Amino acid sequence: MTMVLAGGYTDESGSFARGDVQCADQSTVHQPVADPGEPCIALTVTRGALVPTGFFSILARLFPRFGA
């Protein structure tokens, strides 16, 4: 669950601005991109393990202590 506190971001499911809340489950591939202008500040709460993809998955394999 993510709540936008300032700015905004866009991902595969839409655009989110200050005050918006996005809920996702384990089937969601979440690759947010901050909107131009005001910096995006968000509060995110997770339950369970995160599965990094792309560049972050490479880092997780290089530094396994931080990956799981």
PDB file of N, CA and C in Angstrom:
ATOM      1  N   MET A   1       0.861  -1.159   0.000  1.00  0.00           N
ATOM      2  CA  MET A   1       0.000   0.000   0.000  1.00  0.00           C
ATOM      3  C   MET A   1       0.912   1.227   0.000  1.00  0.00           C
ATOM      4  N   THR A   2       0.608   2.169  -0.868  1.00  0.00           N
ATOM      5  CA  THR A   2       1.396   3.393  -0.981  1.00  0.00           C
ATOM      6  C   THR A   2       0.479   4.601  -0.903  1.00  0.00           C
ATOM      7  N   MET A   3       0.868   5.581  -0.078  1.00  0.00           N
ATOM      8  CA  MET A   3       0.135   6.846   0.012  1.00  0.00           C
ATOM      9  C   MET A   3       1.070   7.974  -0.391  1.00  0.00           C
ATOM     10  N   VAL A   4       0.640   8.786  -1.342  1.00  0.00           N
ATOM     11  CA  VAL A   4       1.451   9.898  -1.813  1.00  0.00           C
ATOM     12  C   VAL A   4       1.290  11.072  -0.854  1.00  0.00           C
ATOM     13  N   LEU A   5       2.416  11.543  -0.304  1.00  0.00           N
ATOM     14  CA  LEU A   5       2.395  12.671   0.629  1.00  0.00           C
ATOM     15  C   LEU A   5       2.669  13.993  -0.080  1.00  0.00           C
ATOM     16  N   ALA A   6       3.469  13.956  -1.151  1.00  0.00           N
ATOM     17  CA  ALA A   6       3.779  15.160  -1.931  1.00  0.00           C
ATOM     18  C   ALA A   6       4.148  14.732  -3.344  1.00  0.00           C
ATOM     19  N   GLY A   7       3.944  15.616  -4.296  1.00  0.00           N
ATOM     20  CA  GLY A   7       4.274  15.292  -5.681  1.00  0.00           C
ATOM     21  C   GLY A   7       3.346  14.228  -6.227  1.00  0.00           C
ATOM     22  N   GLY A   8       3.887  13.347  -7.050  1.00  0.00           N
ATOM     23  CA  GLY A   8       3.084  12.278  -7.620  1.00  0.00           C
ATOM     24  C   GLY A   8       3.940  11.321  -8.418  1.00  0.00           C
ATOM     25  N   TYR A   9       3.347  10.230  -8.842  1.00  0.00           N
ATOM     26  CA  TYR A   9       4.033   9.260  -9.684  1.00  0.00           C
ATOM     27  C   TYR A   9       3.031   8.581 -10.605  1.00  0.00           C
ATOM     28  N   THR A  10       3.577   7.943 -11.634  1.00  0.00           N
ATOM     29  CA  THR A  10       2.779   7.204 -12.600  1.00  0.00           C
ATOM     30  C   THR A  10       3.362   5.809 -12.722  1.00  0.00           C
ATOM     31  N   ASP A  11       2.491   4.815 -12.803  1.00  0.00           N
ATOM     32  CA  ASP A  11       2.941   3.449 -13.054  1.00  0.00           C
ATOM     33  C   ASP A  11       1.965   2.772 -14.009  1.00  0.00           C
ATOM     34  N   GLU A  12       2.068   1.464 -14.133  1.00  0.00           N
ATOM     35  CA  GLU A  12       1.249   0.709 -15.084  1.00  0.00           C
ATOM     36  C   GLU A  12      -0.252   0.851 -14.847  1.00  0.00           C
ATOM     37  N   SER A  13      -0.649   1.167 -13.619  1.00  0.00           N
ATOM     38  CA  SER A  13      -2.081   1.224 -13.311  1.00  0.00           C
ATOM     39  C   SER A  13      -2.655   2.638 -13.298  1.00  0.00           C
ATOM     40  N   GLY A  14      -1.811   3.663 -13.485  1.00  0.00           N
ATOM     41  CA  GLY A  14      -2.339   5.017 -13.535  1.00  0.00           C
ATOM     42  C   GLY A  14      -1.425   6.044 -12.901  1.00  0.00           C
ATOM     43  N   SER A  15      -1.981   7.229 -12.666  1.00  0.00           N
ATOM     44  CA  SER A  15      -1.241   8.330 -12.042  1.00  0.00           C
ATOM     45  C   SER A  15      -1.778   8.563 -10.637  1.00  0.00           C
ATOM     46  N   PHE A  16      -0.876   8.893  -9.730  1.00  0.00           N
ATOM     47  CA  PHE A  16      -1.238   9.087  -8.327  1.00  0.00           C
ATOM     48  C   PHE A  16      -0.624  10.390  -7.846  1.00  0.00           C
ATOM     49  N   ALA A  17      -1.420  11.207  -7.163  1.00  0.00           N
ATOM     50  CA  ALA A  17      -0.995  12.512  -6.677  1.00  0.00           C
ATOM     51  C   ALA A  17      -1.197  12.585  -5.162  1.00  0.00           C
ATOM     52  N   ARG A  18      -0.822  13.724  -4.580  1.00  0.00           N
ATOM     53  CA  ARG A  18      -0.926  13.929  -3.131  1.00  0.00           C
ATOM     54  C   ARG A  18      -2.281  13.454  -2.599  1.00  0.00           C
ATOM     55  N   GLY A  19      -2.233  12.595  -1.569  1.00  0.00           N
ATOM     56  CA  GLY A  19      -3.449  12.091  -0.941  1.00  0.00           C
ATOM     57  C   GLY A  19      -3.966  10.792  -1.531  1.00  0.00           C
ATOM     58  N   ASP A  20      -3.489  10.404  -2.710  1.00  0.00           N
ATOM     59  CA  ASP A  20      -3.933   9.149  -3.317  1.00  0.00           C
ATOM     60  C   ASP A  20      -3.287   7.952  -2.630  1.00  0.00           C
ATOM     61  N   VAL A  21      -4.023   6.849  -2.605  1.00  0.00           N
ATOM     62  CA  VAL A  21      -3.526   5.595  -2.045  1.00  0.00           C
ATOM     63  C   VAL A  21      -3.632   4.520  -3.121  1.00  0.00           C
ATOM     64  N   GLN A  22      -2.563   3.771  -3.298  1.00  0.00           N
ATOM     65  CA  GLN A  22      -2.559   2.658  -4.249  1.00  0.00           C
ATOM     66  C   GLN A  22      -2.353   1.365  -3.470  1.00  0.00           C
ATOM     67  N   CYS A  23      -3.208   0.390  -3.727  1.00  0.00           N
ATOM     68  CA  CYS A  23      -3.082  -0.935  -3.114  1.00  0.00           C
ATOM     69  C   CYS A  23      -2.712  -1.923  -4.203  1.00  0.00           C
ATOM     70  N   ALA A  24      -1.782  -2.809  -3.891  1.00  0.00           N
ATOM     71  CA  ALA A  24      -1.340  -3.806  -4.862  1.00  0.00           C
ATOM     72  C   ALA A  24      -1.155  -5.136  -4.148  1.00  0.00           C
ATOM     73  N   ASP A  25      -1.100  -6.203  -4.938  1.00  0.00           N
ATOM     74  CA  ASP A  25      -0.845  -7.522  -4.357  1.00  0.00           C
ATOM     75  C   ASP A  25       0.400  -8.123  -4.998  1.00  0.00           C
ATOM     76  N   GLN A  26       0.695  -9.365  -4.674  1.00  0.00           N
ATOM     77  CA  GLN A  26       1.926 -10.002  -5.140  1.00  0.00           C
ATOM     78  C   GLN A  26       1.983 -10.184  -6.657  1.00  0.00           C
ATOM     79  N   SER A  27       0.877 -10.065  -7.341  1.00  0.00           N
ATOM     80  CA  SER A  27       0.892 -10.228  -8.795  1.00  0.00           C
ATOM     81  C   SER A  27       1.213  -8.920  -9.525  1.00  0.00           C
ATOM     82  N   THR A  28       1.320  -7.829  -8.795  1.00  0.00           N
ATOM     83  CA  THR A  28       1.545  -6.517  -9.394  1.00  0.00           C
ATOM     84  C   THR A  28       3.027  -6.274  -9.654  1.00  0.00           C
ATOM     85  N   VAL A  29       3.345  -5.883 -10.887  1.00  0.00           N
ATOM     86  CA  VAL A  29       4.690  -5.414 -11.204  1.00  0.00           C
ATOM     87  C   VAL A  29       4.637  -3.904 -11.077  1.00  0.00           C
ATOM     88  N   HIS A  30       5.341  -3.367 -10.098  1.00  0.00           N
ATOM     89  CA  HIS A  30       5.239  -1.951  -9.765  1.00  0.00           C
ATOM     90  C   HIS A  30       6.543  -1.253 -10.144  1.00  0.00           C
ATOM     91  N   GLN A  31       6.487  -0.410 -11.174  1.00  0.00           N
ATOM     92  CA  GLN A  31       7.655   0.351 -11.597  1.00  0.00           C
ATOM     93  C   GLN A  31       7.263   1.820 -11.710  1.00  0.00           C
ATOM     94  N   PRO A  32       7.135   2.498 -10.556  1.00  0.00           N
ATOM     95  CA  PRO A  32       6.690   3.895 -10.578  1.00  0.00           C
ATOM     96  C   PRO A  32       7.765   4.835 -11.112  1.00  0.00           C
ATOM     97  N   VAL A  33       7.295   5.909 -11.736  1.00  0.00           N
ATOM     98  CA  VAL A  33       8.167   6.977 -12.213  1.00  0.00           C
ATOM     99  C   VAL A  33       7.618   8.276 -11.642  1.00  0.00           C
ATOM    100  N   ALA A  34       8.473   9.022 -10.936  1.00  0.00           N
ATOM    101  CA  ALA A  34       8.040  10.288 -10.333  1.00  0.00           C
ATOM    102  C   ALA A  34       7.628  11.269 -11.416  1.00  0.00           C
ATOM    103  N   ASP A  35       6.550  11.997 -11.163  1.00  0.00           N
ATOM    104  CA  ASP A  35       6.081  13.022 -12.087  1.00  0.00           C
ATOM    105  C   ASP A  35       7.026  14.220 -12.042  1.00  0.00           C
ATOM    106  N   PRO A  36       7.122  14.974 -13.149  1.00  0.00           N
ATOM    107  CA  PRO A  36       7.958  16.171 -13.141  1.00  0.00           C
ATOM    108  C   PRO A  36       7.398  17.214 -12.181  1.00  0.00           C
ATOM    109  N   GLY A  37       8.277  18.098 -11.717  1.00  0.00           N
ATOM    110  CA  GLY A  37       7.850  19.166 -10.809  1.00  0.00           C
ATOM    111  C   GLY A  37       8.237  18.857  -9.378  1.00  0.00           C
ATOM    112  N   GLU A  38       7.271  18.932  -8.502  1.00  0.00           N
ATOM    113  CA  GLU A  38       7.511  18.708  -7.070  1.00  0.00           C
ATOM    114  C   GLU A  38       8.038  17.289  -6.827  1.00  0.00           C
ATOM    115  N   PRO A  39       9.056  17.134  -5.955  1.00  0.00           N
ATOM    116  CA  PRO A  39       9.552  15.790  -5.645  1.00  0.00           C
ATOM    117  C   PRO A  39       8.438  14.891  -5.108  1.00  0.00           C
ATOM    118  N   CYS A  40       8.483  13.623  -5.482  1.00  0.00           N
ATOM    119  CA  CYS A  40       7.482  12.657  -5.007  1.00  0.00           C
ATOM    120  C   CYS A  40       7.940  12.077  -3.679  1.00  0.00           C
ATOM    121  N   ILE A  41       7.115  12.252  -2.665  1.00  0.00           N
ATOM    122  CA  ILE A  41       7.365  11.669  -1.341  1.00  0.00           C
ATOM    123  C   ILE A  41       6.173  10.784  -1.025  1.00  0.00           C
ATOM    124  N   ALA A  42       6.459   9.510  -0.733  1.00  0.00           N
ATOM    125  CA  ALA A  42       5.378   8.558  -0.498  1.00  0.00           C
ATOM    126  C   ALA A  42       5.698   7.689   0.710  1.00  0.00           C
ATOM    127  N   LEU A  43       4.655   7.256   1.384  1.00  0.00           N
ATOM    128  CA  LEU A  43       4.762   6.317   2.491  1.00  0.00           C
ATOM    129  C   LEU A  43       4.300   4.963   1.960  1.00  0.00           C
ATOM    130  N   THR A  44       5.159   3.957   2.076  1.00  0.00           N
ATOM    131  CA  THR A  44       4.835   2.628   1.565  1.00  0.00           C
ATOM    132  C   THR A  44       4.896   1.608   2.686  1.00  0.00           C
ATOM    133  N   VAL A  45       3.888   0.766   2.754  1.00  0.00           N
ATOM    134  CA  VAL A  45       3.817  -0.310   3.740  1.00  0.00           C
ATOM    135  C   VAL A  45       3.720  -1.621   2.968  1.00  0.00           C
ATOM    136  N   THR A  46       4.570  -2.583   3.324  1.00  0.00           N
ATOM    137  CA  THR A  46       4.539  -3.875   2.640  1.00  0.00           C
ATOM    138  C   THR A  46       4.358  -5.001   3.641  1.00  0.00           C
ATOM    139  N   ARG A  47       3.860  -6.108   3.135  1.00  0.00           N
ATOM    140  CA  ARG A  47       3.757  -7.332   3.920  1.00  0.00           C
ATOM    141  C   ARG A  47       4.331  -8.434   3.042  1.00  0.00           C
ATOM    142  N   GLY A  48       5.282  -9.172   3.566  1.00  0.00           N
ATOM    143  CA  GLY A  48       5.921 -10.207   2.771  1.00  0.00           C
ATOM    144  C   GLY A  48       7.161  -9.680   2.069  1.00  0.00           C
ATOM    145  N   ALA A  49       7.778 -10.527   1.292  1.00  0.00           N
ATOM    146  CA  ALA A  49       9.023 -10.179   0.611  1.00  0.00           C
ATOM    147  C   ALA A  49       8.752  -9.399  -0.675  1.00  0.00           C
ATOM    148  N   LEU A  50       9.647  -8.466  -0.948  1.00  0.00           N
ATOM    149  CA  LEU A  50       9.612  -7.765  -2.218  1.00  0.00           C
ATOM    150  C   LEU A  50      10.496  -8.541  -3.191  1.00  0.00           C
ATOM    151  N   VAL A  51      10.103  -8.595  -4.444  1.00  0.00           N
ATOM    152  CA  VAL A  51      10.878  -9.294  -5.467  1.00  0.00           C
ATOM    153  C   VAL A  51      11.412  -8.236  -6.430  1.00  0.00           C
ATOM    154  N   PRO A  52      12.687  -7.860  -6.279  1.00  0.00           N
ATOM    155  CA  PRO A  52      13.232  -6.831  -7.159  1.00  0.00           C
ATOM    156  C   PRO A  52      13.355  -7.330  -8.598  1.00  0.00           C
ATOM    157  N   THR A  53      13.172  -6.404  -9.548  1.00  0.00           N
ATOM    158  CA  THR A  53      13.316  -6.734 -10.962  1.00  0.00           C
ATOM    159  C   THR A  53      14.292  -5.749 -11.585  1.00  0.00           C
ATOM    160  N   GLY A  54      14.767  -6.050 -12.763  1.00  0.00           N
ATOM    161  CA  GLY A  54      15.663  -5.151 -13.479  1.00  0.00           C
ATOM    162  C   GLY A  54      16.971  -4.952 -12.749  1.00  0.00           C
ATOM    163  N   PHE A  55      17.444  -3.720 -12.752  1.00  0.00           N
ATOM    164  CA  PHE A  55      18.729  -3.369 -12.149  1.00  0.00           C
ATOM    165  C   PHE A  55      18.800  -3.787 -10.690  1.00  0.00           C
ATOM    166  N   PHE A  56      17.705  -3.619  -9.946  1.00  0.00           N
ATOM    167  CA  PHE A  56      17.723  -3.951  -8.527  1.00  0.00           C
ATOM    168  C   PHE A  56      17.852  -5.450  -8.276  1.00  0.00           C
ATOM    169  N   SER A  57      17.381  -6.267  -9.201  1.00  0.00           N
ATOM    170  CA  SER A  57      17.553  -7.707  -9.024  1.00  0.00           C
ATOM    171  C   SER A  57      19.027  -8.088  -9.166  1.00  0.00           C
ATOM    172  N   ILE A  58      19.757  -7.384 -10.020  1.00  0.00           N
ATOM    173  CA  ILE A  58      21.194  -7.624 -10.151  1.00  0.00           C
ATOM    174  C   ILE A  58      21.903  -7.260  -8.857  1.00  0.00           C
ATOM    175  N   LEU A  59      21.565  -6.105  -8.286  1.00  0.00           N
ATOM    176  CA  LEU A  59      22.164  -5.705  -7.011  1.00  0.00           C
ATOM    177  C   LEU A  59      21.848  -6.702  -5.900  1.00  0.00           C
ATOM    178  N   ALA A  60      20.628  -7.205  -5.882  1.00  0.00           N
ATOM    179  CA  ALA A  60      20.229  -8.166  -4.851  1.00  0.00           C
ATOM    180  C   ALA A  60      21.044  -9.453  -4.954  1.00  0.00           C
ATOM    181  N   ARG A  61      21.363  -9.864  -6.183  1.00  0.00           N
ATOM    182  CA  ARG A  61      22.186 -11.074  -6.350  1.00  0.00           C
ATOM    183  C   ARG A  61      23.633 -10.812  -5.963  1.00  0.00           C
ATOM    184  N   LEU A  62      24.134  -9.590  -6.220  1.00  0.00           N
ATOM    185  CA  LEU A  62      25.511  -9.253  -5.865  1.00  0.00           C
ATOM    186  C   LEU A  62      25.692  -9.114  -4.356  1.00  0.00           C
ATOM    187  N   PHE A  63      24.650  -8.644  -3.687  1.00  0.00           N
ATOM    188  CA  PHE A  63      24.692  -8.422  -2.242  1.00  0.00           C
ATOM    189  C   PHE A  63      23.530  -9.179  -1.593  1.00  0.00           C
ATOM    190  N   PRO A  64      23.613 -10.524  -1.509  1.00  0.00           N
ATOM    191  CA  PRO A  64      22.485 -11.329  -1.037  1.00  0.00           C
ATOM    192  C   PRO A  64      21.998 -10.972   0.359  1.00  0.00           C
ATOM    193  N   ARG A  65      22.861 -10.455   1.201  1.00  0.00           N
ATOM    194  CA  ARG A  65      22.450 -10.063   2.549  1.00  0.00           C
ATOM    195  C   ARG A  65      21.339  -9.015   2.501  1.00  0.00           C
ATOM    196  N   PHE A  66      21.374  -8.149   1.491  1.00  0.00           N
ATOM    197  CA  PHE A  66      20.387  -7.089   1.367  1.00  0.00           C
ATOM    198  C   PHE A  66      19.206  -7.477   0.490  1.00  0.00           C
ATOM    199  N   GLY A  67      19.284  -8.627  -0.200  1.00  0.00           N
ATOM    200  CA  GLY A  67      18.279  -8.984  -1.182  1.00  0.00           C
ATOM    201  C   GLY A  67      17.076  -9.721  -0.645  1.00  0.00           C
ATOM    202  N   ALA A  68      17.134 -10.268   0.552  1.00  0.00           N
ATOM    203  CA  ALA A  68      15.993 -11.056   1.022  1.00  0.00           C
ATOM    204  C   ALA A  68      15.663 -10.759   2.460  1.00  0.00           C
TER     205      ALA A  68
END
